[in-house]
N, C-alpha and C. Protein backbone atom coordinates (compact mmCIF):
# COMPACT_ATOMS: atom_id res chain seq x y z
N UNK A 1 33.78 64.30 -22.80
CA UNK A 1 34.89 63.89 -22.19
C UNK A 1 34.58 64.40 -20.48
N UNK A 2 35.89 64.48 -19.84
CA UNK A 2 35.76 64.80 -18.51
C UNK A 2 36.16 65.97 -18.20
N UNK A 3 36.03 66.45 -16.78
CA UNK A 3 36.26 67.94 -16.68
C UNK A 3 37.55 67.58 -15.45
N UNK A 4 38.37 68.31 -16.11
CA UNK A 4 39.85 68.25 -15.13
C UNK A 4 40.23 69.44 -14.39
N UNK A 5 40.27 69.38 -12.79
CA UNK A 5 40.54 70.57 -12.46
C UNK A 5 42.14 70.56 -12.14
N UNK A 6 43.01 71.54 -12.81
CA UNK A 6 44.28 71.38 -12.80
C UNK A 6 44.78 72.56 -11.86
N UNK A 7 45.18 71.96 -10.80
CA UNK A 7 45.80 72.99 -9.63
C UNK A 7 47.38 73.08 -9.99
N UNK A 8 48.08 74.45 -9.77
CA UNK A 8 49.08 74.72 -10.03
C UNK A 8 49.54 75.50 -8.72
N UNK A 9 50.50 75.10 -8.28
CA UNK A 9 51.27 75.72 -7.25
C UNK A 9 52.79 76.49 -7.47
N UNK A 10 53.33 77.32 -6.54
CA UNK A 10 54.36 77.85 -6.69
C UNK A 10 55.72 77.13 -6.73
N UNK A 11 56.29 76.76 -7.80
CA UNK A 11 57.46 75.85 -8.01
C UNK A 11 57.90 76.32 -9.43
N UNK A 12 59.35 76.14 -9.77
CA UNK A 12 59.65 75.91 -10.92
C UNK A 12 59.54 75.30 -11.89
N UNK A 13 58.84 74.03 -11.55
CA UNK A 13 58.37 73.07 -12.25
C UNK A 13 56.81 73.59 -12.97
N UNK A 14 56.15 74.55 -12.44
CA UNK A 14 55.00 74.99 -12.65
C UNK A 14 54.87 75.15 -14.15
N UNK A 15 55.86 75.68 -15.01
CA UNK A 15 55.91 75.77 -16.51
C UNK A 15 55.32 74.46 -16.91
N UNK A 16 55.56 73.12 -16.56
CA UNK A 16 55.17 71.92 -17.01
C UNK A 16 53.50 71.81 -16.95
N UNK A 17 52.95 72.49 -16.16
CA UNK A 17 51.56 72.42 -16.12
C UNK A 17 51.11 73.09 -17.00
N UNK A 18 51.51 73.64 -17.88
CA UNK A 18 51.14 74.06 -19.36
C UNK A 18 51.03 73.02 -20.15
N UNK A 19 52.23 72.24 -20.37
CA UNK A 19 52.05 70.83 -21.22
C UNK A 19 50.96 69.90 -20.84
N UNK A 20 50.84 70.02 -19.46
CA UNK A 20 49.87 68.82 -19.11
C UNK A 20 48.21 69.15 -19.52
N UNK A 21 48.05 70.74 -19.38
CA UNK A 21 46.78 71.42 -19.49
C UNK A 21 46.85 70.98 -21.20
N UNK A 22 47.71 71.32 -22.21
CA UNK A 22 47.65 71.25 -23.31
C UNK A 22 47.45 69.91 -24.06
N UNK A 23 48.05 68.89 -23.26
CA UNK A 23 47.76 67.25 -23.77
C UNK A 23 46.22 66.98 -23.37
N UNK A 24 45.79 67.44 -22.34
CA UNK A 24 44.56 66.79 -21.58
C UNK A 24 43.51 67.51 -22.67
N UNK A 25 43.63 68.70 -23.07
CA UNK A 25 42.70 69.68 -23.66
C UNK A 25 42.82 69.11 -25.28
N UNK A 26 43.67 68.79 -25.48
CA UNK A 26 44.15 67.95 -26.84
C UNK A 26 43.28 66.55 -27.12
N UNK A 27 43.36 65.65 -25.68
CA UNK A 27 42.58 64.51 -25.83
C UNK A 27 41.32 64.59 -25.66
N UNK A 28 40.79 66.01 -25.35
CA UNK A 28 39.05 66.05 -25.45
C UNK A 28 38.50 66.30 -24.14
N UNK A 29 39.38 66.60 -23.20
CA UNK A 29 39.05 66.98 -21.72
C UNK A 29 38.87 68.46 -21.57
N UNK A 30 37.85 68.66 -20.78
CA UNK A 30 37.58 70.17 -20.34
C UNK A 30 38.57 70.71 -19.12
N UNK A 31 39.78 71.51 -19.17
CA UNK A 31 40.33 71.72 -18.21
C UNK A 31 40.23 72.75 -17.83
N UNK A 32 40.46 72.86 -16.53
CA UNK A 32 40.24 74.32 -15.87
C UNK A 32 41.44 74.48 -14.68
N UNK A 33 42.33 75.50 -14.99
CA UNK A 33 43.29 75.89 -14.10
C UNK A 33 43.10 76.56 -13.14
N UNK A 34 43.63 76.08 -11.78
CA UNK A 34 43.56 77.00 -10.70
C UNK A 34 44.58 76.94 -9.98
N UNK A 35 45.28 78.46 -9.80
CA UNK A 35 46.87 78.66 -9.41
C UNK A 35 46.76 79.14 -7.94
N UNK A 36 47.36 78.71 -7.20
CA UNK A 36 47.92 79.61 -6.17
C UNK A 36 48.68 81.10 -6.61
N UNK A 37 48.44 82.03 -5.88
CA UNK A 37 49.16 83.18 -6.08
C UNK A 37 50.84 82.94 -6.45
N UNK A 38 51.37 82.26 -5.76
CA UNK A 38 52.88 82.37 -6.00
C UNK A 38 53.16 81.65 -7.49
N UNK A 39 51.93 80.63 -7.73
CA UNK A 39 52.56 79.84 -9.12
C UNK A 39 52.55 81.03 -10.39
N UNK A 40 51.81 82.00 -10.10
CA UNK A 40 51.88 83.01 -11.28
C UNK A 40 53.23 83.66 -11.43
N UNK A 41 54.13 83.54 -10.42
CA UNK A 41 55.47 83.82 -10.57
C UNK A 41 56.19 83.14 -11.34
N UNK A 42 55.77 81.80 -11.70
CA UNK A 42 56.54 81.17 -12.58
C UNK A 42 55.75 80.70 -14.03
N UNK A 43 54.50 80.95 -13.89
CA UNK A 43 53.75 80.70 -15.21
C UNK A 43 52.71 81.87 -15.26
N UNK A 44 52.46 82.05 -16.46
CA UNK A 44 51.50 83.25 -16.72
C UNK A 44 50.12 82.78 -17.17
N UNK A 45 49.15 83.33 -16.34
CA UNK A 45 47.74 82.95 -16.72
C UNK A 45 47.53 82.87 -18.32
N UNK A 46 48.21 83.60 -18.71
CA UNK A 46 47.58 83.63 -20.42
C UNK A 46 47.91 82.31 -21.05
N UNK A 47 49.16 81.79 -20.50
CA UNK A 47 49.52 80.38 -21.11
C UNK A 47 48.63 79.32 -20.95
N UNK A 48 48.12 79.35 -19.51
CA UNK A 48 47.30 78.43 -19.22
C UNK A 48 45.69 78.63 -19.47
N UNK A 49 45.67 79.67 -19.76
CA UNK A 49 44.30 79.88 -20.27
C UNK A 49 44.18 79.49 -21.75
N UNK A 50 45.16 80.10 -22.52
CA UNK A 50 45.09 79.74 -23.85
C UNK A 50 45.19 78.22 -24.16
N UNK A 51 46.19 77.43 -23.37
CA UNK A 51 46.34 76.12 -23.55
C UNK A 51 44.85 75.18 -23.10
N UNK A 52 44.31 75.69 -22.15
CA UNK A 52 43.24 74.90 -21.52
C UNK A 52 41.72 75.54 -22.15
N UNK A 53 41.96 76.74 -22.89
CA UNK A 53 40.84 77.20 -23.44
C UNK A 53 39.81 77.90 -22.34
N UNK A 54 40.02 78.25 -21.07
CA UNK A 54 39.51 78.52 -20.05
C UNK A 54 40.15 79.30 -19.18
N UNK A 55 39.29 80.53 -18.79
CA UNK A 55 39.78 81.42 -17.71
C UNK A 55 40.66 80.57 -16.51
N UNK A 56 41.63 81.27 -16.12
CA UNK A 56 43.00 80.87 -15.15
C UNK A 56 41.86 81.50 -13.73
N UNK A 57 41.80 80.91 -12.26
CA UNK A 57 41.42 81.50 -11.62
C UNK A 57 42.39 81.15 -10.47
N UNK A 58 42.86 82.71 -9.87
CA UNK A 58 44.01 82.64 -8.87
C UNK A 58 43.53 83.35 -7.79
N UNK A 59 42.37 83.74 -7.65
CA UNK A 59 42.15 84.85 -6.49
C UNK A 59 40.32 84.67 -6.23
N UNK A 60 40.49 85.12 -5.12
CA UNK A 60 38.72 85.00 -4.68
C UNK A 60 38.33 86.36 -5.24
N UNK A 61 39.17 87.19 -5.87
CA UNK A 61 38.35 88.36 -6.28
C UNK A 61 37.95 88.37 -7.69
N UNK A 62 38.40 87.30 -8.51
CA UNK A 62 38.05 87.13 -9.46
C UNK A 62 37.08 86.08 -9.92
N UNK A 63 36.43 85.75 -8.96
CA UNK A 63 35.23 84.81 -8.79
C UNK A 63 33.73 85.61 -8.83
N UNK A 64 33.51 86.51 -9.94
CA UNK A 64 32.78 87.29 -9.95
C UNK A 64 31.45 87.22 -11.08
N UNK A 65 32.00 86.09 -11.98
CA UNK A 65 30.96 85.86 -12.95
C UNK A 65 29.75 84.91 -12.66
N UNK A 66 29.33 84.52 -11.42
CA UNK A 66 28.17 83.83 -10.92
C UNK A 66 28.09 83.95 -9.64
N UNK A 67 26.92 83.69 -9.24
CA UNK A 67 26.77 83.73 -7.83
C UNK A 67 27.21 82.58 -7.13
N UNK A 68 27.28 81.48 -7.72
CA UNK A 68 27.98 80.25 -7.00
C UNK A 68 29.53 80.86 -7.55
N UNK A 69 30.16 80.86 -6.30
CA UNK A 69 31.93 80.76 -6.13
C UNK A 69 32.53 79.88 -7.04
N UNK A 70 33.46 80.29 -8.17
CA UNK A 70 33.97 79.43 -9.12
C UNK A 70 34.76 78.08 -8.48
N UNK A 71 35.25 78.53 -7.06
CA UNK A 71 35.98 77.13 -6.70
C UNK A 71 34.93 76.05 -6.21
N UNK A 72 33.80 76.85 -5.98
CA UNK A 72 32.99 75.85 -5.45
C UNK A 72 32.15 75.07 -6.63
N UNK A 73 31.83 75.75 -7.87
CA UNK A 73 31.64 75.33 -8.95
C UNK A 73 32.17 74.62 -9.70
N UNK A 74 33.56 74.62 -9.84
CA UNK A 74 34.23 73.57 -10.13
C UNK A 74 34.50 72.53 -9.37
N UNK A 75 34.68 72.60 -8.16
CA UNK A 75 34.69 71.31 -7.27
C UNK A 75 33.57 70.68 -7.46
N UNK A 76 32.34 71.35 -7.67
CA UNK A 76 31.15 70.22 -7.87
C UNK A 76 31.10 69.75 -9.31
N UNK A 77 32.01 70.46 -10.35
CA UNK A 77 31.78 69.81 -11.88
C UNK A 77 33.03 68.63 -11.93
N UNK A 78 33.92 68.79 -11.20
CA UNK A 78 35.48 67.88 -11.28
C UNK A 78 35.16 66.53 -11.79
N UNK A 79 35.82 65.95 -12.33
CA UNK A 79 35.79 64.37 -12.37
C UNK A 79 36.82 63.88 -11.73
N UNK A 80 37.90 64.83 -11.79
CA UNK A 80 39.54 64.77 -11.40
C UNK A 80 40.08 65.86 -10.88
N UNK A 81 40.77 65.75 -9.72
CA UNK A 81 41.27 67.28 -9.22
C UNK A 81 42.75 66.77 -9.28
N UNK A 82 43.58 67.20 -10.00
CA UNK A 82 45.06 66.90 -9.98
C UNK A 82 46.08 68.29 -9.97
N UNK A 83 46.99 68.24 -9.05
CA UNK A 83 47.82 69.38 -8.52
C UNK A 83 49.10 69.14 -8.99
N UNK A 84 49.46 69.93 -9.90
CA UNK A 84 51.18 69.91 -10.74
C UNK A 84 51.65 71.16 -11.00
N UNK A 85 52.45 71.21 -10.31
CA UNK A 85 53.15 70.73 -9.44
C UNK A 85 52.54 70.97 -7.96
N UNK A 86 52.80 70.26 -6.83
CA UNK A 86 52.14 70.43 -5.76
C UNK A 86 53.61 70.84 -4.73
N UNK A 87 53.17 72.09 -4.31
CA UNK A 87 54.40 72.57 -3.08
C UNK A 87 54.17 71.85 -1.80
N UNK A 88 55.09 72.05 -1.12
CA UNK A 88 55.37 71.72 0.44
C UNK A 88 54.40 72.64 1.09
N UNK A 89 54.03 73.56 0.81
CA UNK A 89 53.00 74.59 1.44
C UNK A 89 51.51 74.23 1.14
N UNK A 90 51.24 73.89 -0.21
CA UNK A 90 50.09 73.39 -0.44
C UNK A 90 49.58 72.34 -0.03
N UNK A 91 50.49 71.24 0.14
CA UNK A 91 50.34 69.79 0.52
C UNK A 91 50.52 69.81 2.05
N UNK A 92 50.78 70.67 2.92
CA UNK A 92 50.50 71.26 4.32
C UNK A 92 48.94 71.92 4.46
N UNK A 93 48.71 72.62 3.46
CA UNK A 93 47.34 73.38 3.67
C UNK A 93 46.28 71.93 3.01
N UNK A 94 46.65 71.18 2.34
CA UNK A 94 45.57 70.24 2.04
C UNK A 94 45.31 69.23 3.38
N UNK A 95 46.60 68.90 3.76
CA UNK A 95 46.75 67.99 5.08
C UNK A 95 46.10 68.62 5.99
N UNK A 96 46.34 69.94 6.31
CA UNK A 96 45.80 70.57 7.75
C UNK A 96 44.33 71.02 7.47
N UNK A 97 43.69 71.16 6.44
CA UNK A 97 42.54 71.73 6.24
C UNK A 97 42.74 73.18 6.09
N UNK A 98 43.88 73.84 5.98
CA UNK A 98 43.73 75.30 5.94
C UNK A 98 43.45 75.67 4.46
N UNK A 99 42.53 76.74 4.41
CA UNK A 99 42.24 77.39 2.95
C UNK A 99 42.61 78.66 2.70
N UNK A 100 43.87 79.00 2.83
CA UNK A 100 44.31 80.70 2.45
C UNK A 100 43.95 81.03 1.15
N UNK A 101 43.88 80.30 -0.02
CA UNK A 101 43.76 80.57 -1.24
C UNK A 101 42.68 79.67 -2.26
N UNK A 102 42.25 80.22 -3.47
CA UNK A 102 41.30 79.62 -3.98
C UNK A 102 41.44 78.18 -4.31
N UNK A 103 43.13 77.75 -4.61
CA UNK A 103 43.27 76.28 -4.70
C UNK A 103 42.97 75.52 -3.73
N UNK A 104 43.50 75.95 -2.27
CA UNK A 104 43.32 75.06 -0.99
C UNK A 104 41.87 75.13 -0.72
N UNK A 105 40.96 76.23 -1.09
CA UNK A 105 39.67 76.28 -0.92
C UNK A 105 38.74 75.09 -1.75
N UNK A 106 39.36 75.15 -2.81
CA UNK A 106 38.63 73.96 -3.78
C UNK A 106 38.76 72.90 -3.49
N UNK A 107 39.99 72.45 -2.85
CA UNK A 107 40.62 71.05 -2.35
C UNK A 107 39.35 70.54 -1.34
N UNK A 108 39.33 71.48 -0.31
CA UNK A 108 38.25 71.62 0.83
C UNK A 108 36.79 71.00 0.22
N UNK A 109 36.18 71.82 -0.81
CA UNK A 109 35.18 71.81 -1.48
C UNK A 109 35.06 70.36 -2.44
N UNK A 110 36.15 70.01 -2.74
CA UNK A 110 36.03 68.49 -3.76
C UNK A 110 35.93 67.46 -3.39
N UNK A 111 35.07 66.68 -4.53
CA UNK A 111 34.73 65.13 -3.68
C UNK A 111 35.24 64.42 -5.09
N UNK A 112 35.91 64.78 -6.18
CA UNK A 112 36.42 64.10 -7.04
C UNK A 112 37.81 63.62 -6.71
N UNK A 113 38.10 62.32 -7.01
CA UNK A 113 39.59 61.74 -7.00
C UNK A 113 40.59 62.73 -7.24
N UNK A 114 41.47 62.80 -6.20
CA UNK A 114 42.77 64.03 -5.89
C UNK A 114 43.77 62.87 -6.37
N UNK A 115 44.60 63.66 -7.15
CA UNK A 115 46.11 63.44 -7.55
C UNK A 115 47.00 64.60 -7.39
N UNK A 116 48.06 64.04 -6.63
CA UNK A 116 49.13 65.35 -6.13
C UNK A 116 50.38 64.68 -6.77
N UNK A 117 50.96 65.62 -7.60
CA UNK A 117 52.25 65.49 -8.07
C UNK A 117 53.38 66.43 -7.61
N UNK A 118 53.98 66.29 -6.65
CA UNK A 118 54.76 67.02 -5.56
C UNK A 118 56.16 67.34 -6.49
N UNK A 119 56.82 68.41 -6.03
CA UNK A 119 58.10 69.08 -6.69
C UNK A 119 58.42 69.96 -5.76
N UNK A 120 59.63 69.82 -5.24
CA UNK A 120 60.35 70.46 -4.45
C UNK A 120 61.67 69.96 -3.97
N UNK A 121 62.45 71.01 -3.70
CA UNK A 121 63.90 70.46 -3.05
C UNK A 121 63.99 69.22 -2.32
N UNK A 122 64.99 68.38 -2.46
CA UNK A 122 64.78 67.22 -1.44
C UNK A 122 64.76 67.36 -0.20
N UNK A 123 65.53 68.06 0.58
CA UNK A 123 65.65 68.16 2.00
C UNK A 123 63.87 69.03 2.45
N UNK A 124 63.35 69.55 1.63
CA UNK A 124 61.97 69.84 1.94
C UNK A 124 61.11 68.75 1.69
N UNK A 125 61.23 67.69 0.60
CA UNK A 125 60.51 66.58 0.49
C UNK A 125 60.46 65.55 1.74
N UNK A 126 62.04 65.43 2.23
CA UNK A 126 62.24 64.52 2.98
C UNK A 126 61.95 64.89 4.58
N UNK A 127 61.46 66.37 4.74
CA UNK A 127 61.42 66.87 5.90
C UNK A 127 60.19 65.85 6.76
N UNK A 128 60.43 65.65 7.98
CA UNK A 128 59.44 64.80 8.70
C UNK A 128 58.12 65.41 8.54
N UNK A 129 57.98 66.84 8.56
CA UNK A 129 56.67 67.60 8.45
C UNK A 129 55.93 67.17 7.08
N UNK A 130 56.78 67.27 6.13
CA UNK A 130 56.12 67.02 4.93
C UNK A 130 55.86 65.53 4.67
N UNK A 131 56.49 64.66 5.19
CA UNK A 131 56.34 63.36 5.10
C UNK A 131 54.99 62.85 5.97
N UNK A 132 54.97 63.53 7.16
CA UNK A 132 53.62 63.18 7.79
C UNK A 132 52.40 63.96 7.16
N UNK A 133 52.41 64.91 6.64
CA UNK A 133 51.60 65.48 5.35
C UNK A 133 50.87 64.55 4.35
N UNK A 134 52.20 64.06 3.70
CA UNK A 134 51.86 63.21 2.73
C UNK A 134 50.92 61.95 3.37
N UNK A 135 51.59 61.54 4.65
CA UNK A 135 50.67 60.27 5.00
C UNK A 135 49.32 60.66 5.21
N UNK A 136 48.95 61.62 5.95
CA UNK A 136 47.81 62.23 5.92
C UNK A 136 47.03 62.12 4.76
N UNK A 137 47.49 62.59 3.61
CA UNK A 137 46.58 62.78 2.67
C UNK A 137 46.46 61.14 1.87
N UNK A 138 47.33 60.29 1.94
CA UNK A 138 47.51 59.06 1.76
C UNK A 138 46.23 58.32 2.27
N UNK A 139 46.32 58.50 3.61
CA UNK A 139 45.22 57.98 4.40
C UNK A 139 43.87 58.35 4.14
N UNK A 140 43.66 59.61 3.76
CA UNK A 140 42.42 60.21 3.31
C UNK A 140 41.88 59.58 1.93
N UNK A 141 42.72 58.97 1.31
CA UNK A 141 42.57 58.68 -0.03
C UNK A 141 42.76 59.09 -1.31
N UNK A 142 43.60 60.42 -0.98
CA UNK A 142 44.47 61.32 -2.24
C UNK A 142 45.55 60.37 -2.73
N UNK A 143 45.74 60.65 -3.96
CA UNK A 143 46.86 59.70 -4.47
C UNK A 143 48.13 60.79 -4.47
N UNK A 144 49.64 60.23 -4.12
CA UNK A 144 50.44 61.17 -4.33
C UNK A 144 51.55 60.59 -5.20
N UNK A 145 51.69 61.02 -6.42
CA UNK A 145 52.66 60.36 -7.63
C UNK A 145 53.76 61.31 -7.51
N UNK A 146 54.99 60.59 -7.10
CA UNK A 146 56.35 61.13 -7.22
C UNK A 146 56.53 61.69 -5.83
N UNK A 147 57.42 62.56 -5.83
CA UNK A 147 58.42 63.04 -6.71
C UNK A 147 59.40 61.99 -7.37
N UNK A 148 59.89 62.40 -8.57
CA UNK A 148 60.72 61.51 -9.28
C UNK A 148 61.99 60.93 -8.29
N UNK A 149 62.29 59.85 -8.57
CA UNK A 149 63.42 59.28 -7.49
C UNK A 149 64.80 60.01 -7.37
N UNK A 150 65.23 60.79 -8.59
CA UNK A 150 66.33 61.08 -8.64
C UNK A 150 66.70 62.00 -9.78
N UNK A 151 67.35 62.97 -9.35
CA UNK A 151 67.62 64.00 -10.71
C UNK A 151 68.31 65.33 -10.27
N UNK A 152 68.59 66.12 -11.06
CA UNK A 152 69.03 67.13 -10.93
C UNK A 152 68.07 68.50 -10.61
N UNK A 153 68.09 68.98 -9.47
CA UNK A 153 67.00 70.12 -9.15
C UNK A 153 67.48 71.42 -9.56
N UNK A 154 66.50 72.16 -9.48
CA UNK A 154 66.60 73.49 -10.12
C UNK A 154 67.60 74.33 -9.14
N UNK A 155 67.81 73.99 -7.83
CA UNK A 155 68.76 74.49 -6.87
C UNK A 155 70.12 73.99 -7.19
N UNK A 156 70.29 73.03 -8.13
CA UNK A 156 71.86 72.69 -8.38
C UNK A 156 71.88 71.57 -7.70
N UNK A 157 71.48 70.93 -6.73
CA UNK A 157 71.58 69.43 -6.14
C UNK A 157 70.71 68.32 -6.97
N UNK A 158 71.24 67.24 -6.74
CA UNK A 158 70.81 65.94 -7.09
C UNK A 158 70.12 65.52 -5.99
N UNK A 159 68.90 64.74 -6.26
CA UNK A 159 68.25 64.07 -5.45
C UNK A 159 66.82 63.86 -5.45
N UNK A 160 65.95 63.24 -4.61
CA UNK A 160 64.39 63.12 -5.14
C UNK A 160 63.88 64.54 -4.65
N UNK A 161 62.88 64.79 -5.82
CA UNK A 161 62.19 66.13 -5.57
C UNK A 161 61.59 66.64 -6.85
N UNK A 162 62.12 66.08 -8.20
CA UNK A 162 61.66 66.53 -9.36
C UNK A 162 60.11 66.05 -9.72
N UNK A 163 59.61 66.88 -9.98
CA UNK A 163 58.15 66.52 -10.60
C UNK A 163 58.25 65.36 -11.73
N UNK A 164 57.52 64.25 -11.67
CA UNK A 164 57.72 63.60 -12.59
C UNK A 164 57.12 63.63 -13.78
N UNK A 165 57.67 62.85 -14.96
CA UNK A 165 57.54 63.45 -16.34
C UNK A 165 55.80 63.57 -16.85
N UNK A 166 55.68 64.70 -17.76
CA UNK A 166 54.70 65.06 -18.33
C UNK A 166 53.97 63.94 -18.64
N UNK A 167 54.16 63.19 -19.43
CA UNK A 167 53.34 62.04 -20.07
C UNK A 167 53.04 61.13 -18.81
N UNK A 168 53.70 60.86 -17.91
CA UNK A 168 53.38 59.91 -16.85
C UNK A 168 51.98 60.75 -15.95
N UNK A 169 52.28 62.13 -15.98
CA UNK A 169 51.23 62.90 -15.30
C UNK A 169 49.88 62.84 -16.07
N UNK A 170 50.01 62.74 -16.95
CA UNK A 170 48.70 62.76 -17.97
C UNK A 170 48.32 61.50 -17.90
N UNK A 171 48.86 60.41 -17.95
CA UNK A 171 48.26 59.01 -17.99
C UNK A 171 47.65 58.47 -16.70
N UNK A 172 48.31 59.18 -15.36
CA UNK A 172 47.87 58.97 -14.14
C UNK A 172 46.54 59.59 -14.08
N UNK A 173 46.50 60.98 -14.72
CA UNK A 173 45.08 61.78 -14.48
C UNK A 173 44.10 61.00 -15.43
N UNK A 174 44.45 60.42 -16.77
CA UNK A 174 43.20 59.65 -17.59
C UNK A 174 42.82 58.49 -16.73
N UNK A 175 43.88 57.90 -16.01
CA UNK A 175 43.72 56.57 -15.13
C UNK A 175 42.73 56.85 -14.20
N UNK A 176 42.71 57.77 -13.78
CA UNK A 176 41.63 58.12 -12.54
C UNK A 176 40.39 58.59 -12.80
N UNK A 177 39.82 58.86 -14.23
CA UNK A 177 38.82 59.28 -14.53
C UNK A 177 37.96 58.32 -14.66
N UNK A 178 36.48 58.19 -14.52
CA UNK A 178 35.56 57.31 -14.67
C UNK A 178 35.64 56.86 -16.18
N UNK A 179 35.47 55.41 -16.24
CA UNK A 179 35.63 54.79 -17.76
C UNK A 179 34.80 55.40 -18.64
N UNK A 180 33.70 55.85 -18.07
CA UNK A 180 32.63 56.02 -19.06
C UNK A 180 32.76 57.65 -19.72
N UNK A 181 33.82 58.06 -19.18
CA UNK A 181 34.14 59.36 -19.64
C UNK A 181 35.33 59.48 -20.55
N UNK A 182 35.76 58.19 -20.92
CA UNK A 182 37.07 58.26 -21.70
C UNK A 182 36.69 58.26 -23.09
């Protein structure tokens, strides 16, 4: 099957990445989770490792198993690179080419299709800076799916910003894979 690199950013929606990893693994895909340091405040590496059946990478210091850094090796191996959830910070880093962590460094080294699933507060999503960054990613050929049109957010407000549902995320990832790998 296919190799899916699943990026996880700091957001209350990060717990849903575990369900995405589980469903993709059960579908027969090789799933590798790469987390921002902030993501680990919301979801435990052990959870992602158990559901994906691969170690989680979250810092450059963990890249000691091979002479090729793990973020480079995964970028070369990926058939699709999906970020679930994508924070405003990571979207900005991707758009501007900043690489302060393993996930953003992997993004720069990656040549596989990129799917970005944003999740954030409505005001953050609607901010002109975020919208400009999203437009840069779209222009580059990345796919941005979501956020969901309306719903209650973790901060207690209602509006656009929720992560799209897990089944939709899994479907989008599978659709982005080359037909020969399904």
